[in-house]
Protein backbone atom coordinates (compact mmCIF):
# COMPACT_ATOMS: atom_id res chain seq x y z
CA MET A 1 146.08 34.81 -71.22
CA ASP A 2 146.86 33.16 -67.86
CA ILE A 3 145.13 29.75 -67.85
CA THR A 4 144.91 29.93 -64.03
CA LEU A 5 142.48 32.83 -64.36
CA ILE A 6 140.29 30.75 -66.66
CA LYS A 7 140.28 27.79 -64.27
CA THR A 8 139.39 30.05 -61.35
CA PHE A 9 136.55 31.68 -63.28
CA ILE A 10 135.09 28.26 -64.17
CA GLU A 11 135.34 27.04 -60.57
CA VAL A 12 133.47 30.11 -59.26
CA ALA A 13 130.84 29.71 -61.98
CA ASN A 14 130.33 26.02 -61.13
CA SER A 15 130.26 26.45 -57.35
CA GLY A 16 128.41 29.78 -57.30
CA SER A 17 130.67 30.98 -54.52
CA PHE A 18 134.09 32.58 -54.14
CA VAL A 19 134.47 30.80 -50.80
CA ALA A 20 133.66 27.36 -52.24
CA ALA A 21 135.96 27.99 -55.19
CA SER A 22 138.83 28.91 -52.86
CA GLU A 23 138.34 25.67 -50.92
CA ARG A 24 138.33 23.54 -54.06
CA LEU A 25 141.36 25.32 -55.54
CA PHE A 26 143.25 25.31 -52.21
CA VAL A 27 143.92 29.06 -52.30
CA THR A 28 142.62 31.97 -50.25
CA GLN A 29 139.35 33.72 -51.04
CA SER A 30 141.28 36.94 -51.70
CA ALA A 31 143.39 35.10 -54.30
CA VAL A 32 140.23 33.93 -56.06
CA SER A 33 138.78 37.46 -55.99
CA LEU A 34 142.01 38.91 -57.39
CA ARG A 35 142.14 36.40 -60.23
CA VAL A 36 138.54 37.07 -61.22
CA GLN A 37 139.15 40.81 -61.03
CA ARG A 38 142.18 40.50 -63.32
CA LEU A 39 140.09 38.53 -65.82
CA GLU A 40 137.26 41.08 -65.68
CA ASP A 41 139.76 43.91 -66.20
CA SER A 42 141.16 42.14 -69.27
CA LEU A 43 137.70 41.63 -70.76
CA GLY A 44 136.36 45.02 -69.73
CA HIS A 45 133.18 43.55 -68.21
CA ALA A 46 131.99 42.23 -64.87
CA LEU A 47 131.56 38.45 -65.03
CA PHE A 48 129.74 37.92 -61.72
CA LYS A 49 127.05 39.61 -59.68
CA ARG A 50 128.35 39.34 -56.13
CA SER A 51 126.12 39.15 -53.06
CA LYS A 52 126.03 37.60 -49.59
CA ALA A 53 124.30 34.60 -51.16
CA GLY A 54 127.20 33.95 -53.53
CA ALA A 55 128.17 34.76 -57.10
CA VAL A 56 125.94 34.59 -60.18
CA LEU A 57 127.11 35.01 -63.76
CA THR A 58 126.29 38.28 -65.48
CA PRO A 59 125.07 38.15 -69.12
CA GLU A 60 128.69 38.73 -70.15
CA GLY A 61 129.77 35.93 -67.83
CA GLU A 62 127.20 33.60 -69.39
CA GLN A 63 128.68 34.37 -72.79
CA PHE A 64 132.26 33.95 -71.65
CA ILE A 65 131.78 30.57 -69.91
CA HIS A 66 131.55 28.81 -73.29
CA TYR A 67 134.78 30.41 -74.48
CA ALA A 68 136.46 29.62 -71.17
CA LEU A 69 135.62 25.92 -71.44
CA SER A 70 136.87 25.88 -75.04
CA LEU A 71 140.11 27.58 -74.04
CA LEU A 72 140.71 24.98 -71.32
CA LYS A 73 139.94 22.14 -73.73
CA ILE A 74 142.40 23.45 -76.31
CA TRP A 75 145.05 24.01 -73.66
CA GLU A 76 144.73 20.48 -72.23
CA GLU A 77 144.63 18.90 -75.69
CA ALA A 78 147.81 20.72 -76.63
CA ARG A 79 149.51 19.83 -73.34
CA GLN A 80 148.57 16.15 -73.60
CA GLN A 81 149.46 15.91 -77.30
CA ILE A 82 152.91 17.34 -76.70
CA ALA A 83 153.39 14.95 -73.78
CA ILE A 84 152.60 11.77 -75.77
CA PRO A 85 155.69 9.52 -75.48
CA GLU A 86 157.60 8.37 -78.56
CA GLY A 87 156.07 5.21 -80.00
CA TYR A 88 152.50 6.18 -79.13
CA SER A 89 150.08 8.06 -81.39
CA ARG A 90 147.26 9.03 -79.03
CA SER A 91 146.49 9.39 -75.35
CA PHE A 92 143.71 8.81 -72.84
CA SER A 93 143.59 10.24 -69.33
CA PHE A 94 141.18 9.16 -66.61
CA GLY A 95 140.79 9.23 -62.84
CA ALA A 96 139.19 7.06 -60.19
CA GLN A 97 138.40 7.15 -56.51
CA TYR A 98 140.71 5.07 -54.34
CA SER A 99 138.37 2.10 -53.76
CA LEU A 100 137.77 1.67 -57.48
CA TRP A 101 141.39 1.28 -58.51
CA HIS A 102 141.97 -2.34 -57.49
CA ARG A 103 138.71 -3.54 -58.93
CA LEU A 104 138.38 -1.46 -62.10
CA GLY A 105 141.08 1.16 -62.63
CA PHE A 106 144.18 -1.03 -63.05
CA ARG A 107 142.31 -3.56 -65.15
CA TRP A 108 140.99 -0.79 -67.37
CA ILE A 109 144.53 0.38 -68.13
CA ASP A 110 145.50 -3.18 -69.12
CA SER A 111 142.41 -3.63 -71.32
CA LEU A 112 142.82 -0.27 -73.03
CA GLN A 113 146.44 -0.88 -73.95
CA THR A 114 145.65 -4.42 -75.13
CA ALA A 115 142.91 -3.07 -77.40
CA LEU A 116 144.95 -0.03 -78.51
CA PRO A 117 148.69 -0.73 -78.29
CA ASP A 118 149.49 2.79 -79.54
CA LEU A 119 147.53 4.38 -76.68
CA SER A 120 149.36 6.28 -73.94
CA VAL A 121 147.41 6.23 -70.67
CA ARG A 122 147.66 8.74 -67.84
CA ALA A 123 145.80 8.24 -64.54
CA GLU A 124 144.76 10.33 -61.54
CA MET A 125 143.35 9.50 -58.12
CA GLY A 126 141.14 11.73 -56.00
CA MET A 127 137.77 12.37 -54.45
CA SER A 128 134.70 13.24 -56.49
CA ASP A 129 135.09 17.05 -56.37
CA ARG A 130 138.73 16.97 -57.49
CA LEU A 131 138.12 14.56 -60.35
CA THR A 132 135.03 16.45 -61.50
CA ARG A 133 137.08 19.64 -61.65
CA PHE A 134 139.71 17.79 -63.70
CA LEU A 135 136.96 16.63 -66.07
CA ILE A 136 135.62 20.14 -66.53
CA GLU A 137 139.10 21.54 -67.12
CA GLY A 138 139.97 18.76 -69.57
CA VAL A 139 142.81 17.38 -67.44
CA ILE A 140 141.11 13.97 -67.67
CA GLN A 141 138.62 12.58 -70.15
CA ALA A 142 136.80 10.11 -67.90
CA ALA A 143 136.41 9.33 -64.20
CA LEU A 144 135.23 6.36 -62.14
CA LEU A 145 133.22 7.76 -59.24
CA TYR A 146 130.81 6.74 -56.51
CA THR A 147 129.23 10.20 -56.35
CA PRO A 148 129.15 11.66 -59.87
CA GLN A 149 128.26 15.28 -60.52
CA LEU A 150 126.42 16.05 -63.74
CA ARG A 151 127.81 19.23 -65.31
CA PRO A 152 127.53 20.73 -68.81
CA GLY A 153 129.81 18.87 -71.21
CA LEU A 154 129.80 15.67 -69.13
CA MET A 155 127.74 12.47 -69.39
CA VAL A 156 127.23 9.84 -66.68
CA GLU A 157 126.79 6.08 -67.10
CA HIS A 158 126.30 3.32 -64.55
CA VAL A 159 129.20 0.87 -64.33
CA ILE A 160 128.78 -1.52 -61.43
CA ASP A 161 126.98 -2.08 -58.13
CA GLU A 162 129.31 -2.51 -55.19
CA GLU A 163 128.05 -4.01 -51.92
CA LEU A 164 129.07 -2.43 -48.63
CA ILE A 165 129.62 -4.93 -45.81
CA LEU A 166 130.36 -4.40 -42.12
CA VAL A 167 133.79 -5.74 -41.14
CA ALA A 168 135.78 -5.68 -37.90
CA SER A 169 139.35 -6.36 -36.85
CA PHE A 170 138.16 -8.36 -33.85
CA ASP A 171 135.47 -10.90 -33.02
CA VAL A 172 132.23 -9.02 -32.32
CA GLU A 173 128.49 -9.30 -32.86
CA LEU A 174 126.43 -6.45 -34.24
CA LYS A 175 124.51 -5.92 -31.00
CA ASP A 176 127.76 -5.51 -29.05
CA LEU A 177 129.35 -2.86 -31.26
CA GLY A 178 129.98 0.40 -29.45
CA PRO A 179 132.84 2.92 -29.43
CA GLU A 180 134.88 0.66 -31.73
CA TYR A 181 132.52 1.48 -34.60
CA VAL A 182 133.79 3.88 -37.28
CA PHE A 183 131.19 5.59 -39.46
CA VAL A 184 132.53 5.70 -43.01
CA ASP A 185 130.81 8.39 -45.06
CA TRP A 186 129.84 6.72 -48.32
CA GLY A 187 127.48 9.52 -49.34
CA PRO A 188 123.94 10.73 -48.57
CA GLU A 189 122.11 7.60 -49.77
CA PHE A 190 124.25 5.35 -47.58
CA THR A 191 123.85 7.74 -44.64
CA HIS A 192 120.06 7.55 -44.96
CA MET A 193 119.98 3.75 -45.25
CA HIS A 194 122.45 3.44 -42.38
CA ALA A 195 120.38 5.68 -40.09
CA THR A 196 117.25 3.64 -40.83
CA ALA A 197 118.83 0.21 -40.42
CA LEU A 198 121.34 0.94 -37.64
CA PRO A 199 120.04 3.84 -35.53
CA HIS A 200 122.14 2.75 -32.52
CA LEU A 201 125.32 3.36 -34.55
CA THR A 202 124.36 6.73 -35.98
CA ASN A 203 126.33 8.86 -33.52
CA ALA A 204 129.72 7.22 -33.88
CA GLY A 205 132.67 8.93 -32.25
CA ARG A 206 134.67 8.61 -35.44
CA ALA A 207 133.30 9.65 -38.84
CA LEU A 208 135.75 9.37 -41.72
CA SER A 209 135.29 10.49 -45.34
CA LEU A 210 138.34 8.64 -46.62
CA GLY A 211 136.77 6.03 -48.89
CA GLY A 212 138.65 2.77 -49.18
CA LEU A 213 141.60 4.16 -47.22
CA VAL A 214 139.55 3.43 -44.11
CA GLY A 215 140.35 -0.24 -44.61
CA ASP A 216 143.95 0.45 -43.60
CA TYR A 217 142.70 2.36 -40.57
CA ILE A 218 140.33 -0.37 -39.38
CA VAL A 219 142.69 -3.30 -39.90
CA ASN A 220 145.39 -1.70 -37.74
CA ARG A 221 143.10 -0.88 -34.80
CA ARG A 222 140.35 -2.42 -32.72
CA ALA A 223 137.68 -1.04 -35.01
CA ALA A 224 134.77 -1.87 -37.29
CA GLY A 225 133.17 -0.14 -40.26
CA TYR A 226 131.59 -0.52 -43.68
CA LEU A 227 133.78 -1.26 -46.70
CA PRO A 228 133.06 -2.38 -50.27
CA ALA A 229 133.11 -6.19 -50.25
CA ARG A 230 135.72 -6.32 -53.00
CA SER A 231 137.94 -3.79 -51.22
CA ALA A 232 137.73 -5.77 -47.97
CA GLN A 233 138.42 -9.15 -49.60
CA ARG A 234 142.22 -9.11 -49.27
CA TYR A 235 141.93 -8.40 -45.52
CA LEU A 236 139.32 -11.13 -45.15
CA ASP A 237 141.50 -13.63 -47.02
CA GLN A 238 144.43 -12.74 -44.77
CA GLY A 239 142.30 -13.23 -41.66
CA ARG A 240 142.93 -9.64 -40.58
CA LEU A 241 139.25 -8.67 -40.84
CA GLN A 242 136.03 -10.59 -40.39
CA VAL A 243 132.46 -9.95 -41.44
CA VAL A 244 130.18 -8.88 -38.60
CA ALA A 245 127.41 -11.45 -38.51
CA ASP A 246 123.81 -10.37 -39.10
CA ALA A 247 124.83 -6.85 -40.16
CA PRO A 248 122.83 -5.42 -43.08
CA ARG A 249 124.54 -4.95 -46.43
CA PHE A 250 124.02 -1.84 -48.54
CA PRO A 251 124.19 -1.39 -52.32
CA TYR A 252 126.70 1.16 -53.56
CA PRO A 253 126.73 1.93 -57.30
CA ALA A 254 129.81 3.14 -59.17
CA TRP A 255 129.63 5.35 -62.27
CA VAL A 256 131.78 6.53 -65.13
CA VAL A 257 131.69 10.19 -66.16
CA TRP A 258 132.84 10.99 -69.70
CA ARG A 259 133.69 14.25 -71.36
CA GLU A 260 131.22 14.62 -74.22
CA ASP A 261 133.96 15.75 -76.61
CA LEU A 262 135.95 12.52 -76.28
CA GLU A 263 136.95 11.27 -79.74
CA PRO A 264 134.23 8.77 -80.88
CA GLU A 265 136.51 5.83 -81.71
CA LEU A 266 138.40 6.15 -78.41
CA LEU A 267 135.11 6.50 -76.51
CA SER A 268 133.79 3.32 -78.14
CA VAL A 269 136.86 1.27 -77.18
CA ALA A 270 137.03 2.76 -73.67
CA ARG A 271 133.35 2.04 -73.07
CA ARG A 272 133.56 -1.52 -74.39
CA THR A 273 136.63 -2.43 -72.34
CA LEU A 274 135.12 -0.91 -69.20
CA ILE A 275 131.90 -2.90 -69.66
CA ASP A 276 133.91 -6.11 -70.01
CA ILE A 277 135.97 -5.61 -66.85
CA ALA A 278 132.91 -4.43 -64.91
CA GLN A 279 131.09 -7.64 -65.83
CA ALA A 280 134.06 -9.71 -64.68
CA ALA A 281 134.16 -7.75 -61.41
CA GLU A 282 130.42 -8.29 -60.90
CA ASN A 283 130.92 -12.03 -61.30
CA GLU A 284 133.77 -12.01 -58.79
CA GLN A 285 131.70 -10.06 -56.29
CA HIS A 286 128.80 -12.49 -56.66
CA ILE A 287 131.12 -15.38 -55.83
CA LEU A 288 132.60 -13.46 -52.89
CA ILE A 289 129.19 -12.58 -51.41
CA GLU A 290 128.03 -16.18 -51.74
CA LYS A 291 131.18 -17.33 -49.92
CA LEU A 292 130.62 -14.79 -47.13
CA MET A 293 127.01 -15.93 -46.75
CA ASP A 294 128.15 -19.57 -46.52
CA ASP A 295 130.74 -18.63 -43.88
CA GLU A 296 128.05 -16.94 -41.77
CA GLU A 297 125.80 -19.99 -41.79
């Protein structure tokens, strides 16, 4: 059976829409429809009830979703097992959003391989939707995310609280910020807090959903925007960015999403090492925030 058909079926089932599935899979809607049709022809049953509102699983589709997830799991386990390099006996794959790599992701790799020298590690980077799809398909076994999505077969745990601070590439006070301001979309909770605290900056001419990549954008232009304090630190230390005085700070939690079928011993080590590096990162952030507060006084 073509594994692409299985992945497409799962994406339609999760999104409830052929259109949304096509966007997430980066193919046309007609390609998604054709794949699902081929799968239905193979099984001899309709898997979705289609309507203008979207796509809902039929009773046969509800039955098949469990087999589809199992098929993907077996496929990914086989693919990863075959790919384990010589000298290693097991593997762990995880992903993280861009802003979480410098603070947690790279350190996690180091800690995992120190704790388990026979462990082969594979890593991915992407936004929340992409990494969640990888989790569901079994491509990765864990993901560090700012905006986790709870799906069957996945479990979510809090890791760390980031702090978003307003930084600028030029000397400016909060009251004087205008067209230079870049609204960085850090999710619905941030958007709500931002609108309440900074209503005069709500309608920015530039709104970017690029995560920590926005730091590179801001530092190379006459611009200002919110970044995680830890992500902004290297620019602050270099004198290329400065904190905008009197600007509110916003909490921004990060989470880890695990596949529930992760082998217990590996899960235990992965969880313990992640907790350790998260605590170290929290301590570093506390020191950084205190320093920034002293600099503002």
